[in-house]
Amino acid sequence: MTGWDEAPPAAPPAPASVQLVDARIAAASRGFHRERWIVVAALLAVLLAGVGLLAAGYISQRQVISAQARQIRSSCRFWSPLTSQPAVPLPGQKAPSRTTVVLFAGARDAYAGEGCTPPLPPAQPSLEHWAAVYRVPLSH
């Protein structure tokens, strides 16, 4: 080949018009903007779901705590009358039964352990005496 039979070099292509370039940029960025808004919407949905779960957990926890508080108040009302009782023997007996002393001591433990109000009253001297005799621990 001598180079004479080769085609002359082609002229460089003409630059695209500004309007064509603008149209291509707009078409390419439309898809990008759409994807961006889809991602933003998905993140917003996840955020709202998280807030909803937190709110549901908070409401559920408040209900459980409220129910537990009612149960503790009820327990306090149950044990309250027994916390200041003396351990006296039944008629015809010389000493109160161990069961009576354990019941009164347990009432004091429950009342003190549940944080009931008013504070635990002092134990009656007779309860202290019989708790020592029967070796029953007594809350003060």
N, C-alpha and C. Protein backbone atom coordinates (compact mmCIF):
# COMPACT_ATOMS: atom_id res chain seq x y z
N MET A 1 0.83 -1.15 0.00
CA MET A 1 0.00 0.00 0.00
C MET A 1 0.89 1.23 0.00
N THR A 2 0.51 2.09 -0.81
CA THR A 2 1.31 3.29 -0.97
C THR A 2 0.73 4.46 -0.23
N GLY A 3 -0.46 4.32 0.28
CA GLY A 3 -1.08 5.41 0.99
C GLY A 3 -1.99 6.22 0.10
N TRP A 4 -1.87 5.95 -1.30
CA TRP A 4 -2.74 6.71 -2.18
C TRP A 4 -4.14 6.15 -2.20
N ASP A 5 -4.31 4.88 -1.94
CA ASP A 5 -5.65 4.32 -2.02
C ASP A 5 -6.38 4.43 -0.68
N GLU A 6 -5.79 4.99 0.32
CA GLU A 6 -6.48 5.17 1.59
C GLU A 6 -7.42 6.36 1.50
N ALA A 7 -8.48 6.22 2.28
CA ALA A 7 -9.45 7.31 2.30
C ALA A 7 -8.86 8.47 3.09
N PRO A 8 -9.20 9.65 2.70
CA PRO A 8 -8.71 10.80 3.46
C PRO A 8 -9.27 10.75 4.88
N PRO A 9 -8.53 11.25 5.84
CA PRO A 9 -9.04 11.23 7.21
C PRO A 9 -10.36 11.97 7.31
N ALA A 10 -11.23 11.38 8.12
CA ALA A 10 -12.56 11.97 8.28
C ALA A 10 -12.46 13.23 9.12
N ALA A 11 -13.30 14.12 8.83
CA ALA A 11 -13.35 15.37 9.58
C ALA A 11 -13.94 15.08 10.96
N PRO A 12 -13.46 15.77 11.98
CA PRO A 12 -14.02 15.53 13.31
C PRO A 12 -15.51 15.87 13.31
N PRO A 13 -16.28 15.11 14.14
CA PRO A 13 -17.72 15.39 14.15
C PRO A 13 -17.99 16.79 14.70
N ALA A 14 -19.05 17.32 14.24
CA ALA A 14 -19.43 18.66 14.69
C ALA A 14 -19.88 18.58 16.13
N PRO A 15 -19.55 19.56 16.95
CA PRO A 15 -19.99 19.52 18.35
C PRO A 15 -21.51 19.56 18.42
N ALA A 16 -22.03 18.87 19.47
CA ALA A 16 -23.48 18.85 19.67
C ALA A 16 -23.95 20.23 20.07
N SER A 17 -25.16 20.50 19.71
CA SER A 17 -25.70 21.82 20.04
C SER A 17 -25.95 21.90 21.55
N VAL A 18 -26.02 23.10 22.06
CA VAL A 18 -26.25 23.34 23.48
C VAL A 18 -27.60 22.77 23.90
N GLN A 19 -28.60 22.91 23.05
CA GLN A 19 -29.92 22.39 23.38
C GLN A 19 -29.90 20.87 23.50
N LEU A 20 -29.15 20.20 22.61
CA LEU A 20 -29.06 18.75 22.65
C LEU A 20 -28.35 18.30 23.94
N VAL A 21 -27.27 18.98 24.29
CA VAL A 21 -26.54 18.66 25.53
C VAL A 21 -27.44 18.88 26.74
N ASP A 22 -28.16 19.98 26.76
CA ASP A 22 -29.09 20.26 27.87
C ASP A 22 -30.16 19.19 27.97
N ALA A 23 -30.69 18.75 26.85
CA ALA A 23 -31.73 17.73 26.84
C ALA A 23 -31.18 16.41 27.38
N ARG A 24 -29.95 16.04 26.98
CA ARG A 24 -29.35 14.80 27.46
C ARG A 24 -29.08 14.87 28.97
N ILE A 25 -28.60 15.99 29.46
CA ILE A 25 -28.35 16.16 30.90
C ILE A 25 -29.66 16.06 31.68
N ALA A 26 -30.71 16.70 31.15
CA ALA A 26 -32.02 16.66 31.83
C ALA A 26 -32.55 15.24 31.88
N ALA A 27 -32.41 14.48 30.79
CA ALA A 27 -32.91 13.10 30.76
C ALA A 27 -32.13 12.23 31.74
N ALA A 28 -30.82 12.42 31.79
CA ALA A 28 -30.00 11.61 32.70
C ALA A 28 -30.30 11.97 34.16
N SER A 29 -30.50 13.22 34.47
CA SER A 29 -30.72 13.61 35.86
C SER A 29 -32.13 13.32 36.34
N ARG A 30 -33.11 13.17 35.41
CA ARG A 30 -34.47 12.82 35.83
C ARG A 30 -34.47 11.47 36.55
N GLY A 31 -33.80 10.50 36.00
CA GLY A 31 -33.72 9.19 36.65
C GLY A 31 -33.01 9.28 37.99
N PHE A 32 -31.94 10.05 38.03
CA PHE A 32 -31.20 10.22 39.28
C PHE A 32 -32.08 10.86 40.35
N HIS A 33 -32.82 11.91 39.99
CA HIS A 33 -33.70 12.59 40.95
C HIS A 33 -34.80 11.66 41.43
N ARG A 34 -35.34 10.87 40.52
CA ARG A 34 -36.40 9.94 40.90
C ARG A 34 -35.86 8.92 41.91
N GLU A 35 -34.68 8.37 41.64
CA GLU A 35 -34.07 7.41 42.56
C GLU A 35 -33.77 8.06 43.91
N ARG A 36 -33.32 9.29 43.88
CA ARG A 36 -33.04 9.99 45.13
C ARG A 36 -34.30 10.14 45.96
N TRP A 37 -35.40 10.50 45.34
CA TRP A 37 -36.65 10.67 46.09
C TRP A 37 -37.18 9.33 46.59
N ILE A 38 -36.94 8.27 45.84
CA ILE A 38 -37.36 6.94 46.30
C ILE A 38 -36.56 6.57 47.56
N VAL A 39 -35.27 6.84 47.56
CA VAL A 39 -34.43 6.55 48.72
C VAL A 39 -34.86 7.41 49.91
N VAL A 40 -35.13 8.68 49.67
CA VAL A 40 -35.59 9.57 50.75
C VAL A 40 -36.91 9.06 51.32
N ALA A 41 -37.83 8.65 50.45
CA ALA A 41 -39.13 8.15 50.92
C ALA A 41 -38.94 6.85 51.73
N ALA A 42 -38.04 5.97 51.27
CA ALA A 42 -37.79 4.72 52.00
C ALA A 42 -37.20 5.02 53.37
N LEU A 43 -36.24 5.93 53.44
CA LEU A 43 -35.65 6.28 54.74
C LEU A 43 -36.69 6.90 55.67
N LEU A 44 -37.55 7.73 55.11
CA LEU A 44 -38.61 8.34 55.91
C LEU A 44 -39.57 7.26 56.44
N ALA A 45 -39.90 6.28 55.60
CA ALA A 45 -40.78 5.19 56.03
C ALA A 45 -40.14 4.39 57.15
N VAL A 46 -38.85 4.10 57.03
CA VAL A 46 -38.15 3.36 58.09
C VAL A 46 -38.12 4.18 59.38
N LEU A 47 -37.87 5.48 59.27
CA LEU A 47 -37.86 6.34 60.44
C LEU A 47 -39.23 6.37 61.12
N LEU A 48 -40.29 6.50 60.33
CA LEU A 48 -41.64 6.53 60.91
C LEU A 48 -41.99 5.18 61.54
N ALA A 49 -41.56 4.09 60.93
CA ALA A 49 -41.81 2.77 61.52
C ALA A 49 -41.08 2.65 62.85
N GLY A 50 -39.86 3.14 62.92
CA GLY A 50 -39.11 3.11 64.18
C GLY A 50 -39.78 3.93 65.25
N VAL A 51 -40.24 5.11 64.90
CA VAL A 51 -40.94 5.96 65.87
C VAL A 51 -42.22 5.28 66.33
N GLY A 52 -42.92 4.64 65.40
CA GLY A 52 -44.14 3.92 65.76
C GLY A 52 -43.87 2.78 66.71
N LEU A 53 -42.80 2.03 66.47
CA LEU A 53 -42.45 0.93 67.36
C LEU A 53 -42.04 1.44 68.74
N LEU A 54 -41.30 2.55 68.78
CA LEU A 54 -40.94 3.13 70.07
C LEU A 54 -42.18 3.58 70.83
N ALA A 55 -43.11 4.20 70.13
CA ALA A 55 -44.34 4.66 70.79
C ALA A 55 -45.14 3.48 71.30
N ALA A 56 -45.24 2.42 70.51
CA ALA A 56 -45.99 1.24 70.94
C ALA A 56 -45.32 0.60 72.16
N GLY A 57 -44.00 0.54 72.14
CA GLY A 57 -43.27 -0.02 73.29
C GLY A 57 -43.47 0.83 74.54
N TYR A 58 -43.45 2.14 74.37
CA TYR A 58 -43.65 3.06 75.49
C TYR A 58 -45.04 2.88 76.09
N ILE A 59 -46.05 2.79 75.24
CA ILE A 59 -47.43 2.63 75.72
C ILE A 59 -47.58 1.29 76.43
N SER A 60 -47.02 0.24 75.83
CA SER A 60 -47.10 -1.08 76.45
C SER A 60 -46.39 -1.09 77.80
N GLN A 61 -45.23 -0.47 77.87
CA GLN A 61 -44.48 -0.44 79.12
C GLN A 61 -45.24 0.33 80.19
N ARG A 62 -45.88 1.44 79.81
CA ARG A 62 -46.66 2.20 80.78
C ARG A 62 -47.82 1.38 81.32
N GLN A 63 -48.45 0.59 80.45
CA GLN A 63 -49.57 -0.25 80.89
C GLN A 63 -49.09 -1.32 81.86
N VAL A 64 -47.95 -1.93 81.58
CA VAL A 64 -47.41 -2.96 82.46
C VAL A 64 -47.03 -2.35 83.81
N ILE A 65 -46.36 -1.21 83.79
CA ILE A 65 -45.96 -0.55 85.04
C ILE A 65 -47.18 -0.12 85.84
N SER A 66 -48.20 0.39 85.16
CA SER A 66 -49.42 0.80 85.85
C SER A 66 -50.11 -0.40 86.49
N ALA A 67 -50.17 -1.51 85.78
CA ALA A 67 -50.79 -2.71 86.34
C ALA A 67 -49.99 -3.22 87.54
N GLN A 68 -48.68 -3.18 87.43
CA GLN A 68 -47.84 -3.63 88.54
C GLN A 68 -48.01 -2.71 89.75
N ALA A 69 -48.11 -1.42 89.52
CA ALA A 69 -48.32 -0.48 90.63
C ALA A 69 -49.65 -0.75 91.33
N ARG A 70 -50.70 -1.06 90.55
CA ARG A 70 -51.99 -1.39 91.16
C ARG A 70 -51.87 -2.66 92.00
N GLN A 71 -51.14 -3.65 91.50
CA GLN A 71 -50.97 -4.89 92.25
C GLN A 71 -50.21 -4.65 93.55
N ILE A 72 -49.18 -3.82 93.49
CA ILE A 72 -48.41 -3.54 94.71
C ILE A 72 -49.25 -2.77 95.72
N ARG A 73 -50.03 -1.79 95.24
CA ARG A 73 -50.91 -1.05 96.17
C ARG A 73 -51.92 -1.99 96.83
N SER A 74 -52.45 -2.91 96.03
CA SER A 74 -53.41 -3.88 96.57
C SER A 74 -52.74 -4.77 97.62
N SER A 75 -51.53 -5.21 97.32
CA SER A 75 -50.78 -6.03 98.27
C SER A 75 -50.50 -5.25 99.56
N CYS A 76 -50.14 -3.99 99.41
CA CYS A 76 -49.88 -3.15 100.60
C CYS A 76 -51.13 -3.03 101.46
N ARG A 77 -52.29 -2.84 100.80
CA ARG A 77 -53.54 -2.74 101.57
C ARG A 77 -53.85 -4.06 102.27
N PHE A 78 -53.46 -5.18 101.64
CA PHE A 78 -53.72 -6.48 102.24
C PHE A 78 -52.85 -6.70 103.48
N TRP A 79 -51.55 -6.39 103.37
CA TRP A 79 -50.62 -6.66 104.46
C TRP A 79 -50.64 -5.60 105.56
N SER A 80 -51.09 -4.40 105.26
CA SER A 80 -51.02 -3.29 106.22
C SER A 80 -51.63 -3.60 107.59
N PRO A 81 -52.82 -4.18 107.68
CA PRO A 81 -53.40 -4.42 109.01
C PRO A 81 -52.60 -5.43 109.83
N LEU A 82 -51.85 -6.30 109.18
CA LEU A 82 -51.13 -7.35 109.90
C LEU A 82 -49.75 -6.90 110.39
N THR A 83 -49.28 -5.74 109.95
CA THR A 83 -47.91 -5.32 110.28
C THR A 83 -47.76 -4.84 111.71
N SER A 84 -48.84 -4.43 112.35
CA SER A 84 -48.72 -3.90 113.72
C SER A 84 -49.48 -4.75 114.73
N GLN A 85 -49.81 -5.97 114.36
CA GLN A 85 -50.55 -6.85 115.27
C GLN A 85 -49.61 -7.47 116.30
N PRO A 86 -50.08 -7.61 117.54
CA PRO A 86 -49.29 -8.33 118.54
C PRO A 86 -49.48 -9.83 118.35
N ALA A 87 -48.50 -10.58 118.75
CA ALA A 87 -48.61 -12.04 118.70
C ALA A 87 -49.14 -12.50 120.04
N VAL A 88 -50.42 -12.71 120.10
CA VAL A 88 -51.05 -13.12 121.36
C VAL A 88 -51.55 -14.55 121.21
N PRO A 89 -51.52 -15.31 122.31
CA PRO A 89 -52.01 -16.69 122.22
C PRO A 89 -53.53 -16.73 122.09
N LEU A 90 -54.00 -17.77 121.44
CA LEU A 90 -55.45 -17.97 121.35
C LEU A 90 -55.98 -18.34 122.72
N PRO A 91 -57.27 -18.12 122.95
CA PRO A 91 -57.81 -18.49 124.27
C PRO A 91 -57.55 -19.97 124.56
N GLY A 92 -57.08 -20.20 125.77
CA GLY A 92 -56.79 -21.56 126.21
C GLY A 92 -55.39 -22.02 125.83
N GLN A 93 -54.60 -21.19 125.17
CA GLN A 93 -53.23 -21.54 124.79
C GLN A 93 -52.25 -20.73 125.62
N LYS A 94 -51.05 -21.26 125.82
CA LYS A 94 -50.03 -20.53 126.57
C LYS A 94 -49.19 -19.63 125.68
N ALA A 95 -49.12 -19.95 124.39
CA ALA A 95 -48.28 -19.18 123.46
C ALA A 95 -48.96 -19.11 122.11
N PRO A 96 -48.67 -18.06 121.36
CA PRO A 96 -49.23 -18.01 120.00
C PRO A 96 -48.57 -19.10 119.15
N SER A 97 -49.27 -19.55 118.16
CA SER A 97 -48.70 -20.60 117.31
C SER A 97 -47.56 -20.04 116.46
N ARG A 98 -46.68 -20.92 116.05
CA ARG A 98 -45.57 -20.50 115.18
C ARG A 98 -46.13 -19.95 113.87
N THR A 99 -47.21 -20.53 113.40
CA THR A 99 -47.84 -20.07 112.15
C THR A 99 -48.29 -18.61 112.27
N THR A 100 -48.84 -18.24 113.41
CA THR A 100 -49.27 -16.86 113.63
C THR A 100 -48.07 -15.91 113.59
N VAL A 101 -47.00 -16.30 114.25
CA VAL A 101 -45.79 -15.46 114.29
C VAL A 101 -45.19 -15.35 112.89
N VAL A 102 -45.14 -16.47 112.16
CA VAL A 102 -44.60 -16.45 110.79
C VAL A 102 -45.48 -15.57 109.88
N LEU A 103 -46.79 -15.65 110.06
CA LEU A 103 -47.70 -14.84 109.25
C LEU A 103 -47.47 -13.34 109.49
N PHE A 104 -47.39 -12.94 110.76
CA PHE A 104 -47.18 -11.52 111.07
C PHE A 104 -45.80 -11.05 110.62
N ALA A 105 -44.78 -11.89 110.80
CA ALA A 105 -43.42 -11.52 110.36
C ALA A 105 -43.37 -11.44 108.84
N GLY A 106 -44.03 -12.37 108.17
CA GLY A 106 -44.07 -12.33 106.70
C GLY A 106 -44.81 -11.12 106.18
N ALA A 107 -45.87 -10.74 106.90
CA ALA A 107 -46.61 -9.53 106.50
C ALA A 107 -45.70 -8.31 106.59
N ARG A 108 -44.89 -8.25 107.64
CA ARG A 108 -43.95 -7.13 107.79
C ARG A 108 -42.90 -7.15 106.68
N ASP A 109 -42.39 -8.34 106.35
CA ASP A 109 -41.40 -8.45 105.27
C ASP A 109 -42.00 -7.99 103.93
N ALA A 110 -43.20 -8.46 103.63
CA ALA A 110 -43.85 -8.09 102.37
C ALA A 110 -44.11 -6.59 102.32
N TYR A 111 -44.62 -6.04 103.42
CA TYR A 111 -44.94 -4.61 103.47
C TYR A 111 -43.68 -3.78 103.27
N ALA A 112 -42.59 -4.15 103.96
CA ALA A 112 -41.34 -3.40 103.83
C ALA A 112 -40.71 -3.61 102.46
N GLY A 113 -40.75 -4.84 101.96
CA GLY A 113 -40.10 -5.16 100.69
C GLY A 113 -40.77 -4.53 99.49
N GLU A 114 -42.04 -4.25 99.57
CA GLU A 114 -42.76 -3.64 98.45
C GLU A 114 -42.74 -2.12 98.51
N GLY A 115 -42.09 -1.58 99.51
CA GLY A 115 -41.96 -0.13 99.60
C GLY A 115 -43.28 0.57 99.88
N CYS A 116 -44.11 -0.07 100.67
CA CYS A 116 -45.43 0.50 100.97
C CYS A 116 -45.30 1.76 101.82
N THR A 117 -46.30 2.61 101.71
CA THR A 117 -46.38 3.80 102.54
C THR A 117 -47.64 3.71 103.37
N PRO A 118 -47.68 4.19 104.56
CA PRO A 118 -46.61 4.83 105.33
C PRO A 118 -45.54 3.82 105.70
N PRO A 119 -44.44 4.29 106.27
CA PRO A 119 -43.35 3.37 106.63
C PRO A 119 -43.82 2.30 107.60
N LEU A 120 -43.08 1.22 107.64
CA LEU A 120 -43.41 0.08 108.50
C LEU A 120 -43.44 0.52 109.96
N PRO A 121 -44.56 0.26 110.66
CA PRO A 121 -44.61 0.63 112.07
C PRO A 121 -43.70 -0.30 112.89
N PRO A 122 -43.32 0.13 114.09
CA PRO A 122 -42.47 -0.74 114.91
C PRO A 122 -43.23 -2.03 115.26
N ALA A 123 -42.48 -3.10 115.40
CA ALA A 123 -43.10 -4.38 115.77
C ALA A 123 -43.55 -4.33 117.22
N GLN A 124 -44.64 -5.01 117.50
CA GLN A 124 -45.13 -5.10 118.87
C GLN A 124 -44.13 -5.92 119.70
N PRO A 125 -43.95 -5.55 120.95
CA PRO A 125 -42.99 -6.30 121.79
C PRO A 125 -43.31 -7.80 121.85
N SER A 126 -44.59 -8.14 121.89
CA SER A 126 -44.94 -9.57 121.95
C SER A 126 -44.53 -10.29 120.67
N LEU A 127 -44.64 -9.62 119.51
CA LEU A 127 -44.22 -10.23 118.25
C LEU A 127 -42.70 -10.41 118.23
N GLU A 128 -41.99 -9.40 118.73
CA GLU A 128 -40.52 -9.52 118.79
C GLU A 128 -40.12 -10.69 119.69
N HIS A 129 -40.79 -10.82 120.83
CA HIS A 129 -40.47 -11.90 121.78
C HIS A 129 -40.70 -13.27 121.14
N TRP A 130 -41.90 -13.48 120.58
CA TRP A 130 -42.22 -14.79 120.03
C TRP A 130 -41.46 -15.08 118.74
N ALA A 131 -41.10 -14.05 117.99
CA ALA A 131 -40.25 -14.26 116.80
C ALA A 131 -38.88 -14.75 117.24
N ALA A 132 -38.37 -14.23 118.35
CA ALA A 132 -37.08 -14.69 118.87
C ALA A 132 -37.19 -16.13 119.40
N VAL A 133 -38.31 -16.44 120.06
CA VAL A 133 -38.51 -17.79 120.59
C VAL A 133 -38.56 -18.81 119.45
N TYR A 134 -39.32 -18.49 118.40
CA TYR A 134 -39.47 -19.42 117.28
C TYR A 134 -38.36 -19.27 116.22
N ARG A 135 -37.44 -18.34 116.46
CA ARG A 135 -36.34 -18.04 115.51
C ARG A 135 -36.87 -17.68 114.13
N VAL A 136 -37.81 -16.77 114.12
CA VAL A 136 -38.40 -16.25 112.87
C VAL A 136 -37.79 -14.89 112.62
N PRO A 137 -37.16 -14.65 111.45
CA PRO A 137 -36.60 -13.33 111.17
C PRO A 137 -37.71 -12.27 111.12
N LEU A 138 -37.42 -11.11 111.64
CA LEU A 138 -38.42 -10.05 111.75
C LEU A 138 -37.88 -8.76 111.18
N SER A 139 -38.61 -8.13 110.27
CA SER A 139 -38.21 -6.84 109.71
C SER A 139 -38.49 -5.74 110.71
N HIS A 140 -37.55 -4.82 110.83
CA HIS A 140 -37.73 -3.69 111.77
C HIS A 140 -37.94 -2.43 111.01
